[in-house]
Structure formats: C-alpha cells, structure tokens
Amino acid sequence: MGIDADVVTTERKLTSKEAKAFMRAIAADPNVEYVEPDVPISASSIPNDPYYNLQWGLFSNLDPGQSSAGIRAANAWNIATGLGITIALVDNGVTSHSDLDANIIPQGFDFTYLGPPGGSNPGKAGGCGYVTYHGTHVAGIMAAVMNNGVGISGVAPSA
C-alpha cells in the first residue's frame, strides 16, 4: 500500500473470535500503529428508508430514468453526512417524530409561537387555527435519520 501500511492475510477464514484475538495480538506490537479489518465497502450510500425513492430532489438527472435535476445526495453521502454539524431551522416549530428525534437538540426555541414566552409549537401556523407541521417537514428534509427504515432520508442525516 502507498501509505507504508501492510495488508495481512491468513491461510484460512477466521471466526469472529479468532479474528479479534489475532488483531489484538498484532496491535500489541509497539511497532504497529493501528489495526483494522479489510472489509468490502459499498460504492454508494443508498438508504433503506421507505420513501427515499420519492425524494426526487436527492437524485440526479444524470441517473438512468431520472428526469428531474437533484443534488446527487448518494454521491455526497459517501463523503459526509453532516456529522458534527448543527443546522438552524427558522420555521413554525418541530413536533416529535421518530425520523427526527435523534437529531433534534433540546435547546431549540420556537420563535414563531404566539403563546407564553419559551413555548413549543408542534406545527401550528400563527393565528390561523390549523396545524401545518411545516417546521417538521423542513427539519425532515434537512436531517431525517437515514437507514432506520422510517420515512425519508435527510440531506444531512447525521447533523
């Protein structure tokens, strides 16, 4: 390998327990910087979320059968998914949702709420009396959890 690393192989396939013990033994050598398994990886990050295929904006018009232009999210997810990034959403509030809860910080504040100061708005549009859930919708596009088998995939699913 071009980075002064070596790939070590064995004469036979090891069990998980044997492989871990073998890697620990190699890692114990003070001349070894790191040890990691050499495993096949996927060339694409296509999520298993059921409505991903309906998110035309995440695809590319360069893909076969795709006529709408999109952001080519699957290619971008191979590089980054937003891990360590905080995104601000200025909208009418976000309600609890299984596809979002893991990525919503508790310090959020609903700036459009017309009730008591510091209140939380689960999606009500100010003064009109009906629920729109627009903030929840936009938050999902931004950062819905990926590969959880629920709903959609966010553009930055680890943010």
N, C-alpha and C. Protein backbone atom coordinates (compact mmCIF):
# COMPACT_ATOMS: atom_id res chain seq x y z
N MET A 1 0.84 -1.18 0.00
CA MET A 1 0.00 0.00 0.00
C MET A 1 0.88 1.24 0.00
N GLY A 2 0.40 2.30 -0.58
CA GLY A 2 1.19 3.51 -0.76
C GLY A 2 1.39 4.35 0.49
N ILE A 3 0.80 3.97 1.61
CA ILE A 3 0.94 4.77 2.83
C ILE A 3 1.74 4.03 3.90
N ASP A 4 2.67 3.20 3.46
CA ASP A 4 3.50 2.41 4.36
C ASP A 4 2.69 1.51 5.29
N ALA A 5 1.58 0.99 4.78
CA ALA A 5 0.77 0.05 5.54
C ALA A 5 0.86 -1.31 4.87
N ASP A 6 0.50 -2.34 5.59
CA ASP A 6 0.52 -3.70 5.07
C ASP A 6 -0.85 -4.33 5.24
N VAL A 7 -1.21 -5.18 4.30
CA VAL A 7 -2.41 -5.99 4.43
C VAL A 7 -1.95 -7.38 4.83
N VAL A 8 -2.44 -7.86 5.96
CA VAL A 8 -2.07 -9.17 6.48
C VAL A 8 -3.22 -10.12 6.18
N THR A 9 -2.88 -11.28 5.61
CA THR A 9 -3.90 -12.29 5.32
C THR A 9 -3.59 -13.56 6.11
N THR A 10 -4.59 -14.39 6.24
CA THR A 10 -4.42 -15.68 6.91
C THR A 10 -4.66 -16.80 5.91
N GLU A 11 -4.18 -17.98 6.24
CA GLU A 11 -4.32 -19.12 5.33
C GLU A 11 -5.75 -19.63 5.27
N ARG A 12 -6.50 -19.37 6.31
CA ARG A 12 -7.90 -19.81 6.34
C ARG A 12 -8.77 -18.70 6.92
N LYS A 13 -10.06 -18.81 6.69
CA LYS A 13 -11.01 -17.83 7.23
C LYS A 13 -11.09 -18.02 8.74
N LEU A 14 -10.98 -16.93 9.47
CA LEU A 14 -11.04 -16.97 10.92
C LEU A 14 -12.45 -16.71 11.41
N THR A 15 -12.77 -17.29 12.56
CA THR A 15 -14.04 -16.95 13.19
C THR A 15 -13.92 -15.53 13.73
N SER A 16 -15.02 -14.95 14.11
CA SER A 16 -15.01 -13.59 14.65
C SER A 16 -14.11 -13.51 15.88
N LYS A 17 -14.22 -14.50 16.76
CA LYS A 17 -13.42 -14.52 17.98
C LYS A 17 -11.93 -14.64 17.65
N GLU A 18 -11.59 -15.53 16.70
CA GLU A 18 -10.18 -15.70 16.30
C GLU A 18 -9.64 -14.42 15.64
N ALA A 19 -10.45 -13.79 14.80
CA ALA A 19 -10.01 -12.56 14.11
C ALA A 19 -9.73 -11.45 15.11
N LYS A 20 -10.60 -11.31 16.11
CA LYS A 20 -10.39 -10.26 17.12
C LYS A 20 -9.12 -10.53 17.93
N ALA A 21 -8.90 -11.79 18.29
CA ALA A 21 -7.70 -12.13 19.05
C ALA A 21 -6.44 -11.90 18.21
N PHE A 22 -6.50 -12.26 16.93
CA PHE A 22 -5.38 -12.05 16.01
C PHE A 22 -5.07 -10.56 15.87
N MET A 23 -6.10 -9.74 15.72
CA MET A 23 -5.90 -8.29 15.58
C MET A 23 -5.35 -7.68 16.87
N ARG A 24 -5.84 -8.16 18.03
CA ARG A 24 -5.30 -7.67 19.32
C ARG A 24 -3.83 -8.01 19.45
N ALA A 25 -3.45 -9.22 19.02
CA ALA A 25 -2.05 -9.64 19.11
C ALA A 25 -1.16 -8.76 18.23
N ILE A 26 -1.62 -8.47 17.03
CA ILE A 26 -0.84 -7.59 16.14
C ILE A 26 -0.76 -6.18 16.73
N ALA A 27 -1.87 -5.68 17.23
CA ALA A 27 -1.92 -4.32 17.79
C ALA A 27 -1.02 -4.17 19.02
N ALA A 28 -0.75 -5.28 19.71
CA ALA A 28 0.09 -5.22 20.91
C ALA A 28 1.55 -4.95 20.58
N ASP A 29 1.96 -5.16 19.34
CA ASP A 29 3.33 -4.90 18.91
C ASP A 29 3.56 -3.39 18.90
N PRO A 30 4.57 -2.89 19.61
CA PRO A 30 4.81 -1.43 19.66
C PRO A 30 5.18 -0.83 18.30
N ASN A 31 5.57 -1.65 17.34
CA ASN A 31 5.88 -1.15 16.00
C ASN A 31 4.65 -1.02 15.10
N VAL A 32 3.48 -1.40 15.62
CA VAL A 32 2.24 -1.34 14.85
C VAL A 32 1.46 -0.11 15.27
N GLU A 33 1.15 0.75 14.30
CA GLU A 33 0.42 1.99 14.59
C GLU A 33 -1.07 1.74 14.78
N TYR A 34 -1.69 0.93 13.92
CA TYR A 34 -3.11 0.63 14.03
C TYR A 34 -3.42 -0.68 13.31
N VAL A 35 -4.56 -1.26 13.65
CA VAL A 35 -5.04 -2.48 13.01
C VAL A 35 -6.53 -2.28 12.73
N GLU A 36 -6.92 -2.63 11.53
CA GLU A 36 -8.35 -2.57 11.19
C GLU A 36 -8.66 -3.67 10.19
N PRO A 37 -9.89 -4.17 10.21
CA PRO A 37 -10.24 -5.24 9.26
C PRO A 37 -10.30 -4.70 7.83
N ASP A 38 -9.95 -5.53 6.89
CA ASP A 38 -10.04 -5.20 5.47
C ASP A 38 -11.35 -5.82 4.97
N VAL A 39 -12.38 -5.00 4.91
CA VAL A 39 -13.71 -5.49 4.54
C VAL A 39 -14.21 -4.79 3.29
N PRO A 40 -15.05 -5.46 2.52
CA PRO A 40 -15.62 -4.81 1.34
C PRO A 40 -16.53 -3.65 1.77
N ILE A 41 -16.54 -2.59 1.00
CA ILE A 41 -17.43 -1.47 1.26
C ILE A 41 -18.31 -1.23 0.04
N SER A 42 -19.40 -0.58 0.27
CA SER A 42 -20.33 -0.28 -0.81
C SER A 42 -19.88 0.99 -1.53
N ALA A 43 -20.10 1.02 -2.82
CA ALA A 43 -19.73 2.19 -3.62
C ALA A 43 -20.77 3.28 -3.56
N SER A 44 -21.90 3.02 -2.93
CA SER A 44 -22.96 4.01 -2.89
C SER A 44 -23.68 3.95 -1.55
N SER A 45 -24.21 5.07 -1.13
CA SER A 45 -24.93 5.16 0.13
C SER A 45 -26.42 5.29 -0.13
N ILE A 46 -27.03 4.24 -0.59
CA ILE A 46 -28.46 4.26 -0.86
C ILE A 46 -29.19 3.81 0.41
N PRO A 47 -29.99 4.69 1.00
CA PRO A 47 -30.65 4.36 2.26
C PRO A 47 -31.80 3.36 2.11
N ASN A 48 -32.17 2.76 3.24
CA ASN A 48 -33.27 1.79 3.24
C ASN A 48 -34.59 2.42 3.68
N ASP A 49 -34.65 3.73 3.74
CA ASP A 49 -35.87 4.41 4.18
C ASP A 49 -36.96 4.28 3.10
N PRO A 50 -38.19 3.92 3.48
CA PRO A 50 -39.21 3.55 2.50
C PRO A 50 -39.61 4.64 1.51
N TYR A 51 -39.50 5.91 1.88
CA TYR A 51 -39.91 6.98 0.95
C TYR A 51 -38.73 7.67 0.28
N TYR A 52 -37.54 7.12 0.44
CA TYR A 52 -36.36 7.70 -0.21
C TYR A 52 -36.55 7.80 -1.72
N ASN A 53 -37.13 6.77 -2.32
CA ASN A 53 -37.30 6.77 -3.78
C ASN A 53 -38.24 7.88 -4.27
N LEU A 54 -39.01 8.49 -3.37
CA LEU A 54 -39.90 9.59 -3.75
C LEU A 54 -39.23 10.95 -3.59
N GLN A 55 -38.04 10.99 -3.04
CA GLN A 55 -37.32 12.25 -2.82
C GLN A 55 -36.53 12.62 -4.07
N TRP A 56 -37.23 13.01 -5.12
CA TRP A 56 -36.60 13.27 -6.41
C TRP A 56 -35.48 14.31 -6.30
N GLY A 57 -35.56 15.23 -5.39
CA GLY A 57 -34.55 16.28 -5.25
C GLY A 57 -33.20 15.75 -4.78
N LEU A 58 -33.15 14.52 -4.27
CA LEU A 58 -31.89 13.95 -3.81
C LEU A 58 -31.17 13.19 -4.92
N PHE A 59 -31.85 12.98 -6.03
CA PHE A 59 -31.26 12.22 -7.14
C PHE A 59 -30.57 13.15 -8.13
N SER A 60 -30.25 12.62 -9.28
CA SER A 60 -29.60 13.39 -10.34
C SER A 60 -30.26 13.10 -11.66
N ASN A 61 -30.41 14.12 -12.49
CA ASN A 61 -30.95 13.87 -13.82
C ASN A 61 -29.94 13.13 -14.70
N LEU A 62 -28.74 12.89 -14.18
CA LEU A 62 -27.75 12.08 -14.89
C LEU A 62 -27.96 10.59 -14.65
N ASP A 63 -28.80 10.26 -13.64
CA ASP A 63 -29.10 8.86 -13.35
C ASP A 63 -30.07 8.32 -14.39
N PRO A 64 -29.94 7.05 -14.77
CA PRO A 64 -30.86 6.46 -15.74
C PRO A 64 -32.31 6.54 -15.24
N GLY A 65 -33.19 6.99 -16.11
CA GLY A 65 -34.61 7.06 -15.77
C GLY A 65 -35.01 8.23 -14.89
N GLN A 66 -34.09 9.09 -14.53
CA GLN A 66 -34.38 10.23 -13.65
C GLN A 66 -34.38 11.50 -14.49
N SER A 67 -35.54 12.13 -14.63
CA SER A 67 -35.62 13.32 -15.47
C SER A 67 -35.43 14.62 -14.69
N SER A 68 -35.70 14.60 -13.39
CA SER A 68 -35.57 15.82 -12.59
C SER A 68 -34.15 16.01 -12.09
N ALA A 69 -33.70 17.24 -12.12
CA ALA A 69 -32.38 17.55 -11.58
C ALA A 69 -32.44 17.51 -10.07
N GLY A 70 -31.39 17.03 -9.45
CA GLY A 70 -31.33 16.96 -8.00
C GLY A 70 -29.92 17.20 -7.52
N ILE A 71 -29.69 16.99 -6.23
CA ILE A 71 -28.39 17.34 -5.63
C ILE A 71 -27.40 16.18 -5.59
N ARG A 72 -27.74 15.02 -6.10
CA ARG A 72 -26.87 13.85 -6.10
C ARG A 72 -26.42 13.49 -4.68
N ALA A 73 -27.38 13.38 -3.79
CA ALA A 73 -27.10 13.15 -2.37
C ALA A 73 -26.33 11.86 -2.12
N ALA A 74 -26.65 10.77 -2.82
CA ALA A 74 -25.97 9.49 -2.57
C ALA A 74 -24.47 9.62 -2.78
N ASN A 75 -24.05 10.38 -3.79
CA ASN A 75 -22.62 10.60 -4.00
C ASN A 75 -22.02 11.41 -2.86
N ALA A 76 -22.73 12.41 -2.40
CA ALA A 76 -22.24 13.26 -1.31
C ALA A 76 -22.16 12.48 0.00
N TRP A 77 -23.13 11.59 0.25
CA TRP A 77 -23.13 10.81 1.49
C TRP A 77 -21.92 9.89 1.58
N ASN A 78 -21.30 9.55 0.46
CA ASN A 78 -20.07 8.76 0.50
C ASN A 78 -18.93 9.57 1.11
N ILE A 79 -19.06 10.89 1.12
CA ILE A 79 -18.01 11.77 1.64
C ILE A 79 -18.37 12.29 3.04
N ALA A 80 -19.62 12.73 3.22
CA ALA A 80 -20.02 13.31 4.51
C ALA A 80 -21.54 13.21 4.66
N THR A 81 -21.99 13.11 5.92
CA THR A 81 -23.42 13.06 6.22
C THR A 81 -23.85 14.13 7.20
N GLY A 82 -22.96 15.07 7.50
CA GLY A 82 -23.31 16.15 8.42
C GLY A 82 -22.91 15.90 9.86
N LEU A 83 -22.18 14.84 10.13
CA LEU A 83 -21.77 14.51 11.49
C LEU A 83 -20.99 15.68 12.11
N GLY A 84 -21.39 16.10 13.29
CA GLY A 84 -20.72 17.20 13.99
C GLY A 84 -21.21 18.58 13.59
N ILE A 85 -22.18 18.66 12.69
CA ILE A 85 -22.71 19.92 12.22
C ILE A 85 -24.06 20.20 12.87
N THR A 86 -24.31 21.44 13.28
CA THR A 86 -25.61 21.85 13.79
C THR A 86 -26.24 22.78 12.76
N ILE A 87 -27.47 22.48 12.39
CA ILE A 87 -28.21 23.27 11.41
C ILE A 87 -29.31 24.02 12.13
N ALA A 88 -29.48 25.29 11.82
CA ALA A 88 -30.57 26.08 12.40
C ALA A 88 -31.77 26.03 11.47
N LEU A 89 -32.95 25.93 12.06
CA LEU A 89 -34.20 25.95 11.31
C LEU A 89 -35.05 27.07 11.87
N VAL A 90 -35.38 28.04 11.06
CA VAL A 90 -36.28 29.12 11.48
C VAL A 90 -37.60 28.86 10.78
N ASP A 91 -38.55 28.32 11.54
CA ASP A 91 -39.84 27.92 10.97
C ASP A 91 -40.86 27.91 12.09
N ASN A 92 -41.99 27.24 11.90
CA ASN A 92 -43.06 27.29 12.88
C ASN A 92 -43.05 26.14 13.88
N GLY A 93 -41.91 25.59 14.20
CA GLY A 93 -41.82 24.56 15.23
C GLY A 93 -41.68 23.16 14.65
N VAL A 94 -41.17 22.25 15.47
CA VAL A 94 -40.97 20.87 15.07
C VAL A 94 -41.61 19.98 16.12
N THR A 95 -42.44 19.08 15.68
CA THR A 95 -43.09 18.15 16.60
C THR A 95 -42.24 16.89 16.74
N SER A 96 -42.47 16.13 17.77
CA SER A 96 -41.76 14.87 17.98
C SER A 96 -42.05 13.94 16.81
N HIS A 97 -41.00 13.31 16.28
CA HIS A 97 -41.17 12.41 15.13
C HIS A 97 -40.05 11.38 15.17
N SER A 98 -40.38 10.13 14.97
CA SER A 98 -39.39 9.04 15.06
C SER A 98 -38.27 9.17 14.05
N ASP A 99 -38.46 9.91 12.97
CA ASP A 99 -37.42 10.07 11.97
C ASP A 99 -36.54 11.30 12.26
N LEU A 100 -36.91 12.07 13.30
CA LEU A 100 -36.17 13.30 13.62
C LEU A 100 -35.63 13.36 15.04
N ASP A 101 -36.30 12.71 15.97
CA ASP A 101 -35.99 12.90 17.39
C ASP A 101 -34.50 12.74 17.72
N ALA A 102 -33.82 11.81 17.07
CA ALA A 102 -32.40 11.58 17.36
C ALA A 102 -31.53 12.76 16.94
N ASN A 103 -32.02 13.60 16.03
CA ASN A 103 -31.21 14.69 15.50
C ASN A 103 -31.68 16.09 15.92
N ILE A 104 -32.64 16.17 16.83
CA ILE A 104 -33.13 17.47 17.29
C ILE A 104 -32.48 17.78 18.64
N ILE A 105 -31.87 18.95 18.76
CA ILE A 105 -31.26 19.33 20.03
C ILE A 105 -32.32 19.91 20.96
N PRO A 106 -32.22 19.63 22.24
CA PRO A 106 -33.25 20.09 23.18
C PRO A 106 -33.25 21.60 23.41
N GLN A 107 -32.20 22.29 23.02
CA GLN A 107 -32.13 23.72 23.24
C GLN A 107 -32.92 24.52 22.21
N GLY A 108 -33.64 23.86 21.33
CA GLY A 108 -34.37 24.56 20.29
C GLY A 108 -35.38 25.53 20.87
N PHE A 109 -35.72 26.56 20.13
CA PHE A 109 -36.68 27.56 20.56
C PHE A 109 -37.56 27.92 19.39
N ASP A 110 -38.87 27.94 19.59
CA ASP A 110 -39.80 28.29 18.54
C ASP A 110 -40.03 29.79 18.55
N PHE A 111 -39.46 30.48 17.59
CA PHE A 111 -39.56 31.94 17.51
C PHE A 111 -40.90 32.42 16.99
N THR A 112 -41.72 31.55 16.43
CA THR A 112 -42.99 32.00 15.88
C THR A 112 -44.16 31.73 16.81
N TYR A 113 -43.93 31.10 17.93
CA TYR A 113 -45.00 30.77 18.85
C TYR A 113 -45.64 32.03 19.41
N LEU A 114 -46.95 32.11 19.39
CA LEU A 114 -47.65 33.32 19.82
C LEU A 114 -48.18 33.22 21.24
N GLY A 115 -47.84 32.17 21.95
CA GLY A 115 -48.32 31.98 23.31
C GLY A 115 -47.31 32.45 24.33
N PRO A 116 -47.27 31.79 25.49
CA PRO A 116 -46.34 32.19 26.56
C PRO A 116 -44.90 32.13 26.08
N PRO A 117 -44.02 33.00 26.58
CA PRO A 117 -42.62 33.00 26.17
C PRO A 117 -41.96 31.64 26.41
N GLY A 118 -41.13 31.22 25.47
CA GLY A 118 -40.40 29.97 25.59
C GLY A 118 -41.22 28.75 25.25
N GLY A 119 -42.42 28.95 24.71
CA GLY A 119 -43.30 27.83 24.42
C GLY A 119 -42.81 27.01 23.24
N SER A 120 -43.40 25.85 23.09
CA SER A 120 -43.08 24.97 21.97
C SER A 120 -44.31 24.85 21.09
N ASN A 121 -44.13 24.93 19.81
CA ASN A 121 -45.24 24.88 18.87
C ASN A 121 -45.13 23.63 18.04
N PRO A 122 -46.05 22.68 18.17
CA PRO A 122 -45.94 21.44 17.41
C PRO A 122 -46.38 21.57 15.96
N GLY A 123 -46.34 22.75 15.40
CA GLY A 123 -46.65 22.91 13.99
C GLY A 123 -47.79 23.85 13.70
N LYS A 124 -48.33 24.55 14.67
CA LYS A 124 -49.45 25.45 14.41
C LYS A 124 -48.99 26.69 13.68
N ALA A 125 -49.73 27.06 12.68
CA ALA A 125 -49.45 28.30 11.97
C ALA A 125 -50.08 29.43 12.77
N GLY A 126 -49.32 30.47 13.05
CA GLY A 126 -49.77 31.57 13.90
C GLY A 126 -51.10 32.16 13.49
N GLY A 127 -52.08 32.08 14.40
CA GLY A 127 -53.35 32.76 14.23
C GLY A 127 -54.35 32.13 13.29
N CYS A 128 -54.01 31.09 12.56
CA CYS A 128 -54.96 30.56 11.58
C CYS A 128 -55.76 29.38 12.12
N GLY A 129 -55.35 28.81 13.26
CA GLY A 129 -56.15 27.78 13.89
C GLY A 129 -55.99 26.37 13.34
N TYR A 130 -55.15 26.14 12.38
CA TYR A 130 -54.95 24.78 11.91
C TYR A 130 -53.45 24.44 11.96
N VAL A 131 -53.18 23.15 11.94
CA VAL A 131 -51.80 22.68 12.08
C VAL A 131 -51.21 22.44 10.70
N THR A 132 -50.00 22.97 10.45
CA THR A 132 -49.37 22.77 9.15
C THR A 132 -48.17 21.83 9.22
N TYR A 133 -47.50 21.75 10.35
CA TYR A 133 -46.31 20.92 10.52
C TYR A 133 -45.22 21.26 9.51
N HIS A 134 -45.20 22.49 9.03
CA HIS A 134 -44.20 22.89 8.05
C HIS A 134 -42.79 22.79 8.62
N GLY A 135 -42.59 23.21 9.88
CA GLY A 135 -41.27 23.12 10.50
C GLY A 135 -40.78 21.68 10.58
N THR A 136 -41.67 20.76 10.90
CA THR A 136 -41.32 19.34 10.97
C THR A 136 -40.96 18.83 9.58
N HIS A 137 -41.71 19.25 8.58
CA HIS A 137 -41.44 18.86 7.19
C HIS A 137 -40.06 19.33 6.76
N VAL A 138 -39.74 20.59 7.01
CA VAL A 138 -38.44 21.14 6.61
C VAL A 138 -37.31 20.49 7.40
N ALA A 139 -37.52 20.26 8.69
CA ALA A 139 -36.49 19.60 9.51
C ALA A 139 -36.20 18.20 8.98
N GLY A 140 -37.23 17.50 8.50
CA GLY A 140 -37.03 16.17 7.92
C GLY A 140 -36.18 16.22 6.67
N ILE A 141 -36.44 17.19 5.80
CA ILE A 141 -35.62 17.34 4.59
C ILE A 141 -34.18 17.61 4.98
N MET A 142 -33.99 18.40 6.03
CA MET A 142 -32.64 18.76 6.45
C MET A 142 -31.91 17.59 7.10
N ALA A 143 -32.56 16.91 8.06
CA ALA A 143 -31.79 15.98 8.89
C ALA A 143 -32.56 14.75 9.37
N ALA A 144 -33.49 14.24 8.58
CA ALA A 144 -34.15 12.99 8.97
C ALA A 144 -33.09 11.89 9.05
N VAL A 145 -33.24 11.01 10.03
CA VAL A 145 -32.29 9.92 10.24
C VAL A 145 -32.31 8.99 9.02
N MET A 146 -31.13 8.56 8.60
CA MET A 146 -31.00 7.67 7.44
C MET A 146 -30.86 6.22 7.88
N ASN A 147 -31.35 5.31 7.07
CA ASN A 147 -31.22 3.87 7.27
C ASN A 147 -31.86 3.37 8.56
N ASN A 148 -33.00 3.97 8.91
CA ASN A 148 -33.73 3.47 10.08
C ASN A 148 -35.04 2.82 9.66
N GLY A 149 -35.26 2.69 8.35
CA GLY A 149 -36.47 2.04 7.85
C GLY A 149 -37.72 2.85 8.09
N VAL A 150 -37.58 4.15 8.39
CA VAL A 150 -38.72 5.03 8.66
C VAL A 150 -38.68 6.21 7.71
N GLY A 151 -39.79 6.52 7.08
CA GLY A 151 -39.95 7.75 6.32
C GLY A 151 -38.92 8.01 5.24
N ILE A 152 -38.24 9.16 5.38
CA ILE A 152 -37.32 9.66 4.35
C ILE A 152 -35.90 9.71 4.87
N SER A 153 -35.00 10.21 4.04
CA SER A 153 -33.61 10.45 4.43
C SER A 153 -33.36 11.94 4.34
N GLY A 154 -32.75 12.51 5.37
CA GLY A 154 -32.40 13.92 5.33
C GLY A 154 -31.18 14.16 4.47
N VAL A 155 -31.04 15.39 4.00
CA VAL A 155 -29.87 15.75 3.21
C VAL A 155 -28.61 15.60 4.05
N ALA A 156 -28.69 15.96 5.32
CA ALA A 156 -27.56 15.81 6.25
C ALA A 156 -28.04 14.93 7.42
N PRO A 157 -28.18 13.63 7.20
CA PRO A 157 -28.83 12.75 8.18
C PRO A 157 -28.07 12.55 9.50
N SER A 158 -26.85 13.00 9.58
CA SER A 158 -26.10 12.89 10.84
C SER A 158 -25.95 14.23 11.54
N ALA A 159 -26.54 15.27 10.95
CA ALA A 159 -26.43 16.62 11.56
C ALA A 159 -27.38 16.72 12.73
